[in-house]
Amino acid sequence: MGHAGMAAAAVRYLRAGPVEPLPRPELRCVREDERAPVDQGEFRRVLGNFASGVTVVTAPAADGETGPAGFACQSFSSLSLDPPLVAFMVARRSTTWPRIARAGVFCVNVLGADQGALCRAFAVSGADKFAGVEYDAAPVSGSPRLTGSHAWIDCTIHAVHPGGDHLIVVGRVDALGAADGDDAPLLFHKGRFL
């Protein structure tokens, strides 16, 4: 089936009525026969031409943990208006992701152009990422809402899907807000902040 046939099938499917969720796929590692014949360095170089916004995804401490969790994330996107869904991608080897998964909730903090240092602090592994960082609790999840962020999106984990060496995390939006003004966002392009 070519692209036109797939598009027609998708339209017929969507016109058939409400979209039912698909069964959850089994989480598994990427097999050798699934690896693309593309050099990873070249992949990064070419895709680095796409500028992306920068966020910090945070979660409150789950039972038995001593503090909140968070990591810098540039692979964030809106996904659906009805229901309101967002998505972010996280590496399977992330040490922060299991803490967010246990919490079951998260807050996406959209960073401004002046928050590069904050992003770098959340990009390191093993450090106390919240040391000296001002935040309050997001209204529904209680996740850290970072002071000075341009916008925040408070979510409950809705689904997690495999995506190669990453996981695709879908969140249902419970609350959100944005700062007044039109300051520039923090962007990442060709390996550096803009």
C-alpha atoms as a PDB file:
ATOM      1  CA  MET A   1       0.000   0.000   0.000  1.00  0.00           C
ATOM      2  CA  GLY A   2       1.458   3.351  -1.045  1.00  0.00           C
ATOM      3  CA  HIS A   3       1.281   6.649   0.851  1.00  0.00           C
ATOM      4  CA  ALA A   4      -2.029   7.599  -0.762  1.00  0.00           C
ATOM      5  CA  GLY A   5      -3.543   4.233   0.173  1.00  0.00           C
ATOM      6  CA  MET A   6      -2.356   4.545   3.776  1.00  0.00           C
ATOM      7  CA  ALA A   7      -3.765   8.066   4.003  1.00  0.00           C
ATOM      8  CA  ALA A   8      -7.115   6.920   2.613  1.00  0.00           C
ATOM      9  CA  ALA A   9      -7.223   4.025   5.095  1.00  0.00           C
ATOM     10  CA  ALA A  10      -6.480   6.440   7.952  1.00  0.00           C
ATOM     11  CA  VAL A  11      -9.290   8.771   6.855  1.00  0.00           C
ATOM     12  CA  ARG A  12     -11.763   5.839   6.645  1.00  0.00           C
ATOM     13  CA  TYR A  13     -10.675   4.694  10.102  1.00  0.00           C
ATOM     14  CA  LEU A  14     -11.112   8.139  11.628  1.00  0.00           C
ATOM     15  CA  ARG A  15     -14.530   8.640  10.021  1.00  0.00           C
ATOM     16  CA  ALA A  16     -15.722   5.329  11.462  1.00  0.00           C
ATOM     17  CA  GLY A  17     -16.384   6.937  14.849  1.00  0.00           C
ATOM     18  CA  PRO A  18     -14.539   7.478  18.113  1.00  0.00           C
ATOM     19  CA  VAL A  19     -10.949   6.304  18.092  1.00  0.00           C
ATOM     20  CA  GLU A  20     -10.460   3.404  20.480  1.00  0.00           C
ATOM     21  CA  PRO A  21      -7.082   3.132  22.171  1.00  0.00           C
ATOM     22  CA  LEU A  22      -4.824   0.449  20.792  1.00  0.00           C
ATOM     23  CA  PRO A  23      -3.527  -2.249  23.128  1.00  0.00           C
ATOM     24  CA  ARG A  24      -0.308  -1.307  24.849  1.00  0.00           C
ATOM     25  CA  PRO A  25       2.716  -2.596  22.964  1.00  0.00           C
ATOM     26  CA  GLU A  26       5.254  -4.731  24.745  1.00  0.00           C
ATOM     27  CA  LEU A  27       8.298  -2.720  25.844  1.00  0.00           C
ATOM     28  CA  ARG A  28      11.428  -4.310  24.477  1.00  0.00           C
ATOM     29  CA  CYS A  29      14.942  -3.521  23.321  1.00  0.00           C
ATOM     30  CA  VAL A  30      15.753  -2.613  19.737  1.00  0.00           C
ATOM     31  CA  ARG A  31      16.854  -5.707  17.815  1.00  0.00           C
ATOM     32  CA  GLU A  32      19.916  -5.637  15.555  1.00  0.00           C
ATOM     33  CA  ASP A  33      17.744  -6.162  12.451  1.00  0.00           C
ATOM     34  CA  GLU A  34      15.775  -2.990  13.329  1.00  0.00           C
ATOM     35  CA  ARG A  35      18.792  -0.718  13.384  1.00  0.00           C
ATOM     36  CA  ALA A  36      18.913   1.750  10.486  1.00  0.00           C
ATOM     37  CA  PRO A  37      22.001   1.898   8.278  1.00  0.00           C
ATOM     38  CA  VAL A  38      22.572   5.540   9.210  1.00  0.00           C
ATOM     39  CA  ASP A  39      25.622   6.793  11.085  1.00  0.00           C
ATOM     40  CA  GLN A  40      24.564   8.156  14.496  1.00  0.00           C
ATOM     41  CA  GLY A  41      26.846  11.177  14.217  1.00  0.00           C
ATOM     42  CA  GLU A  42      25.389  12.060  10.815  1.00  0.00           C
ATOM     43  CA  PHE A  43      21.874  11.513  12.162  1.00  0.00           C
ATOM     44  CA  ARG A  44      22.536  14.019  14.985  1.00  0.00           C
ATOM     45  CA  ARG A  45      24.212  16.510  12.642  1.00  0.00           C
ATOM     46  CA  VAL A  46      21.350  16.538  10.134  1.00  0.00           C
ATOM     47  CA  LEU A  47      18.531  16.565  12.688  1.00  0.00           C
ATOM     48  CA  GLY A  48      20.371  19.297  14.611  1.00  0.00           C
ATOM     49  CA  ASN A  49      19.215  21.629  11.847  1.00  0.00           C
ATOM     50  CA  PHE A  50      15.738  21.481  13.360  1.00  0.00           C
ATOM     51  CA  ALA A  51      15.517  24.040  16.168  1.00  0.00           C
ATOM     52  CA  SER A  52      13.620  22.806  19.202  1.00  0.00           C
ATOM     53  CA  GLY A  53      12.284  24.422  22.317  1.00  0.00           C
ATOM     54  CA  VAL A  54      13.818  23.453  25.650  1.00  0.00           C
ATOM     55  CA  THR A  55      11.907  22.231  28.679  1.00  0.00           C
ATOM     56  CA  VAL A  56      12.553  20.745  32.087  1.00  0.00           C
ATOM     57  CA  VAL A  57      10.254  17.869  33.009  1.00  0.00           C
ATOM     58  CA  THR A  58       9.760  17.553  36.775  1.00  0.00           C
ATOM     59  CA  ALA A  59       7.896  15.250  39.144  1.00  0.00           C
ATOM     60  CA  PRO A  60       7.271  15.232  42.900  1.00  0.00           C
ATOM     61  CA  ALA A  61       9.024  12.696  45.100  1.00  0.00           C
ATOM     62  CA  ALA A  62       7.260   9.347  44.957  1.00  0.00           C
ATOM     63  CA  ASP A  63       6.750   7.307  48.128  1.00  0.00           C
ATOM     64  CA  GLY A  64      10.089   6.446  49.699  1.00  0.00           C
ATOM     65  CA  GLU A  65      12.085   9.060  47.752  1.00  0.00           C
ATOM     66  CA  THR A  66      13.765  12.049  49.333  1.00  0.00           C
ATOM     67  CA  GLY A  67      13.219  14.780  46.772  1.00  0.00           C
ATOM     68  CA  PRO A  68      11.685  15.726  43.437  1.00  0.00           C
ATOM     69  CA  ALA A  69      12.956  14.496  40.077  1.00  0.00           C
ATOM     70  CA  GLY A  70      13.648  16.390  36.877  1.00  0.00           C
ATOM     71  CA  PHE A  71      15.566  16.387  33.618  1.00  0.00           C
ATOM     72  CA  ALA A  72      16.210  18.707  30.674  1.00  0.00           C
ATOM     73  CA  CYS A  73      14.140  17.737  27.653  1.00  0.00           C
ATOM     74  CA  GLN A  74      14.075  19.156  24.136  1.00  0.00           C
ATOM     75  CA  SER A  75      11.861  16.422  22.682  1.00  0.00           C
ATOM     76  CA  PHE A  76       8.524  17.786  23.856  1.00  0.00           C
ATOM     77  CA  SER A  77       5.399  18.357  21.776  1.00  0.00           C
ATOM     78  CA  SER A  78       1.694  19.021  21.978  1.00  0.00           C
ATOM     79  CA  LEU A  79      -0.187  15.942  20.786  1.00  0.00           C
ATOM     80  CA  SER A  80      -3.976  16.283  20.994  1.00  0.00           C
ATOM     81  CA  LEU A  81      -6.611  18.902  21.751  1.00  0.00           C
ATOM     82  CA  ASP A  82      -9.404  16.469  22.623  1.00  0.00           C
ATOM     83  CA  PRO A  83      -8.443  15.052  25.008  1.00  0.00           C
ATOM     84  CA  PRO A  84      -5.634  17.497  25.843  1.00  0.00           C
ATOM     85  CA  LEU A  85      -2.432  15.468  25.497  1.00  0.00           C
ATOM     86  CA  VAL A  86       1.275  16.282  25.301  1.00  0.00           C
ATOM     87  CA  ALA A  87       4.260  14.016  24.725  1.00  0.00           C
ATOM     88  CA  PHE A  88       7.948  13.906  25.504  1.00  0.00           C
ATOM     89  CA  MET A  89      10.647  11.400  24.689  1.00  0.00           C
ATOM     90  CA  VAL A  90      13.117  10.093  27.248  1.00  0.00           C
ATOM     91  CA  ALA A  91      16.088   7.765  26.861  1.00  0.00           C
ATOM     92  CA  ARG A  92      15.464   4.247  28.141  1.00  0.00           C
ATOM     93  CA  ARG A  93      18.719   4.495  30.119  1.00  0.00           C
ATOM     94  CA  SER A  94      17.602   7.660  31.932  1.00  0.00           C
ATOM     95  CA  THR A  95      17.976   7.377  35.708  1.00  0.00           C
ATOM     96  CA  THR A  96      15.350  10.116  36.226  1.00  0.00           C
ATOM     97  CA  TRP A  97      12.578   8.531  34.171  1.00  0.00           C
ATOM     98  CA  PRO A  98      11.879   5.668  36.638  1.00  0.00           C
ATOM     99  CA  ARG A  99      11.322   8.252  39.379  1.00  0.00           C
ATOM    100  CA  ILE A 100       8.861  10.183  37.201  1.00  0.00           C
ATOM    101  CA  ALA A 101       7.116   6.934  36.247  1.00  0.00           C
ATOM    102  CA  ARG A 102       6.716   6.001  39.927  1.00  0.00           C
ATOM    103  CA  ALA A 103       5.224   9.433  40.652  1.00  0.00           C
ATOM    104  CA  GLY A 104       2.715   8.945  37.811  1.00  0.00           C
ATOM    105  CA  VAL A 105       2.577  12.694  37.173  1.00  0.00           C
ATOM    106  CA  PHE A 106       4.843  15.396  35.773  1.00  0.00           C
ATOM    107  CA  CYS A 107       5.086  19.083  34.943  1.00  0.00           C
ATOM    108  CA  VAL A 108       6.673  20.401  31.754  1.00  0.00           C
ATOM    109  CA  ASN A 109       8.439  23.722  32.378  1.00  0.00           C
ATOM    110  CA  VAL A 110       9.018  25.674  29.138  1.00  0.00           C
ATOM    111  CA  LEU A 111      12.264  27.620  29.497  1.00  0.00           C
ATOM    112  CA  GLY A 112      13.034  31.177  28.405  1.00  0.00           C
ATOM    113  CA  ALA A 113      16.096  32.406  26.516  1.00  0.00           C
ATOM    114  CA  ASP A 114      17.733  33.509  29.780  1.00  0.00           C
ATOM    115  CA  GLN A 115      17.466  30.042  31.386  1.00  0.00           C
ATOM    116  CA  GLY A 116      20.332  28.198  29.677  1.00  0.00           C
ATOM    117  CA  ALA A 117      22.140  27.698  32.996  1.00  0.00           C
ATOM    118  CA  LEU A 118      19.002  26.163  34.508  1.00  0.00           C
ATOM    119  CA  CYS A 119      18.762  23.760  31.571  1.00  0.00           C
ATOM    120  CA  ARG A 120      22.421  22.745  32.009  1.00  0.00           C
ATOM    121  CA  ALA A 121      21.816  22.075  35.726  1.00  0.00           C
ATOM    122  CA  PHE A 122      19.004  19.661  34.863  1.00  0.00           C
ATOM    123  CA  ALA A 123      21.039  18.014  32.081  1.00  0.00           C
ATOM    124  CA  VAL A 124      23.638  16.546  34.461  1.00  0.00           C
ATOM    125  CA  SER A 125      23.289  13.072  35.916  1.00  0.00           C
ATOM    126  CA  GLY A 126      23.697  12.209  39.568  1.00  0.00           C
ATOM    127  CA  ALA A 127      23.704  15.743  40.997  1.00  0.00           C
ATOM    128  CA  ASP A 128      21.098  17.461  43.181  1.00  0.00           C
ATOM    129  CA  LYS A 129      19.406  19.219  40.283  1.00  0.00           C
ATOM    130  CA  PHE A 130      17.128  21.249  42.556  1.00  0.00           C
ATOM    131  CA  ALA A 131      19.927  22.783  44.680  1.00  0.00           C
ATOM    132  CA  GLY A 132      19.347  26.544  44.684  1.00  0.00           C
ATOM    133  CA  VAL A 133      16.429  26.286  42.241  1.00  0.00           C
ATOM    134  CA  GLU A 134      13.264  28.166  43.157  1.00  0.00           C
ATOM    135  CA  TYR A 135       9.959  26.436  42.485  1.00  0.00           C
ATOM    136  CA  ASP A 136       6.465  25.945  43.795  1.00  0.00           C
ATOM    137  CA  ALA A 137       4.027  23.064  43.411  1.00  0.00           C
ATOM    138  CA  ALA A 138       1.961  22.687  40.243  1.00  0.00           C
ATOM    139  CA  PRO A 139      -1.722  22.840  41.228  1.00  0.00           C
ATOM    140  CA  VAL A 140      -2.839  19.294  40.411  1.00  0.00           C
ATOM    141  CA  SER A 141       0.216  17.023  40.486  1.00  0.00           C
ATOM    142  CA  GLY A 142       2.348  18.876  43.013  1.00  0.00           C
ATOM    143  CA  SER A 143       5.279  18.590  40.571  1.00  0.00           C
ATOM    144  CA  PRO A 144       7.897  21.352  40.781  1.00  0.00           C
ATOM    145  CA  ARG A 145       6.872  24.393  38.743  1.00  0.00           C
ATOM    146  CA  LEU A 146      10.155  26.232  38.140  1.00  0.00           C
ATOM    147  CA  THR A 147      10.189  29.939  38.913  1.00  0.00           C
ATOM    148  CA  GLY A 148      10.720  32.059  35.807  1.00  0.00           C
ATOM    149  CA  SER A 149       9.579  29.446  33.306  1.00  0.00           C
ATOM    150  CA  HIS A 150       7.648  30.853  30.347  1.00  0.00           C
ATOM    151  CA  ALA A 151       4.924  28.234  30.629  1.00  0.00           C
ATOM    152  CA  TRP A 152       4.048  25.107  32.581  1.00  0.00           C
ATOM    153  CA  ILE A 153       1.920  22.088  31.762  1.00  0.00           C
ATOM    154  CA  ASP A 154       0.763  19.909  34.692  1.00  0.00           C
ATOM    155  CA  CYS A 155       0.069  16.307  33.611  1.00  0.00           C
ATOM    156  CA  THR A 156      -0.832  12.763  34.581  1.00  0.00           C
ATOM    157  CA  ILE A 157       0.947   9.959  32.711  1.00  0.00           C
ATOM    158  CA  HIS A 158      -1.557   8.688  30.140  1.00  0.00           C
ATOM    159  CA  ALA A 159       0.528   6.151  28.159  1.00  0.00           C
ATOM    160  CA  VAL A 160       4.105   5.074  27.489  1.00  0.00           C
ATOM    161  CA  HIS A 161       5.142   3.667  24.108  1.00  0.00           C
ATOM    162  CA  PRO A 162       8.442   2.176  22.914  1.00  0.00           C
ATOM    163  CA  GLY A 163      10.430   4.249  20.454  1.00  0.00           C
ATOM    164  CA  GLY A 164      13.787   2.630  19.707  1.00  0.00           C
ATOM    165  CA  ASP A 165      16.281   3.579  22.403  1.00  0.00           C
ATOM    166  CA  HIS A 166      13.729   6.050  23.842  1.00  0.00           C
ATOM    167  CA  LEU A 167      10.274   5.908  25.377  1.00  0.00           C
ATOM    168  CA  ILE A 168       7.425   8.106  24.180  1.00  0.00           C
ATOM    169  CA  VAL A 169       5.589   9.394  27.244  1.00  0.00           C
ATOM    170  CA  VAL A 170       2.092  10.757  26.711  1.00  0.00           C
ATOM    171  CA  GLY A 171       0.624  12.986  29.403  1.00  0.00           C
ATOM    172  CA  ARG A 172      -2.967  14.074  29.911  1.00  0.00           C
ATOM    173  CA  VAL A 173      -3.006  17.799  30.693  1.00  0.00           C
ATOM    174  CA  ASP A 174      -4.701  18.604  34.006  1.00  0.00           C
ATOM    175  CA  ALA A 175      -3.714  22.296  34.292  1.00  0.00           C
ATOM    176  CA  LEU A 176      -1.464  24.762  32.484  1.00  0.00           C
ATOM    177  CA  GLY A 177      -0.424  28.368  32.415  1.00  0.00           C
ATOM    178  CA  ALA A 178       1.945  30.871  30.838  1.00  0.00           C
ATOM    179  CA  ALA A 179       3.760  33.982  32.006  1.00  0.00           C
ATOM    180  CA  ASP A 180       2.635  37.359  30.718  1.00  0.00           C
ATOM    181  CA  GLY A 181       4.828  38.990  28.125  1.00  0.00           C
ATOM    182  CA  ASP A 182       6.479  37.852  24.940  1.00  0.00           C
ATOM    183  CA  ASP A 183      10.064  37.127  25.991  1.00  0.00           C
ATOM    184  CA  ALA A 184      12.044  34.826  23.721  1.00  0.00           C
ATOM    185  CA  PRO A 185      12.036  31.074  24.407  1.00  0.00           C
ATOM    186  CA  LEU A 186      15.181  29.016  24.919  1.00  0.00           C
ATOM    187  CA  LEU A 187      15.951  27.198  21.664  1.00  0.00           C
ATOM    188  CA  PHE A 188      18.433  24.446  20.881  1.00  0.00           C
ATOM    189  CA  HIS A 189      19.922  24.399  17.371  1.00  0.00           C
ATOM    190  CA  LYS A 190      23.010  22.663  15.982  1.00  0.00           C
ATOM    191  CA  GLY A 191      24.246  21.665  19.413  1.00  0.00           C
ATOM    192  CA  ARG A 192      23.893  25.033  21.121  1.00  0.00           C
ATOM    193  CA  PHE A 193      21.376  27.347  22.708  1.00  0.00           C
ATOM    194  CA  LEU A 194      19.955  30.277  20.755  1.00  0.00           C
END
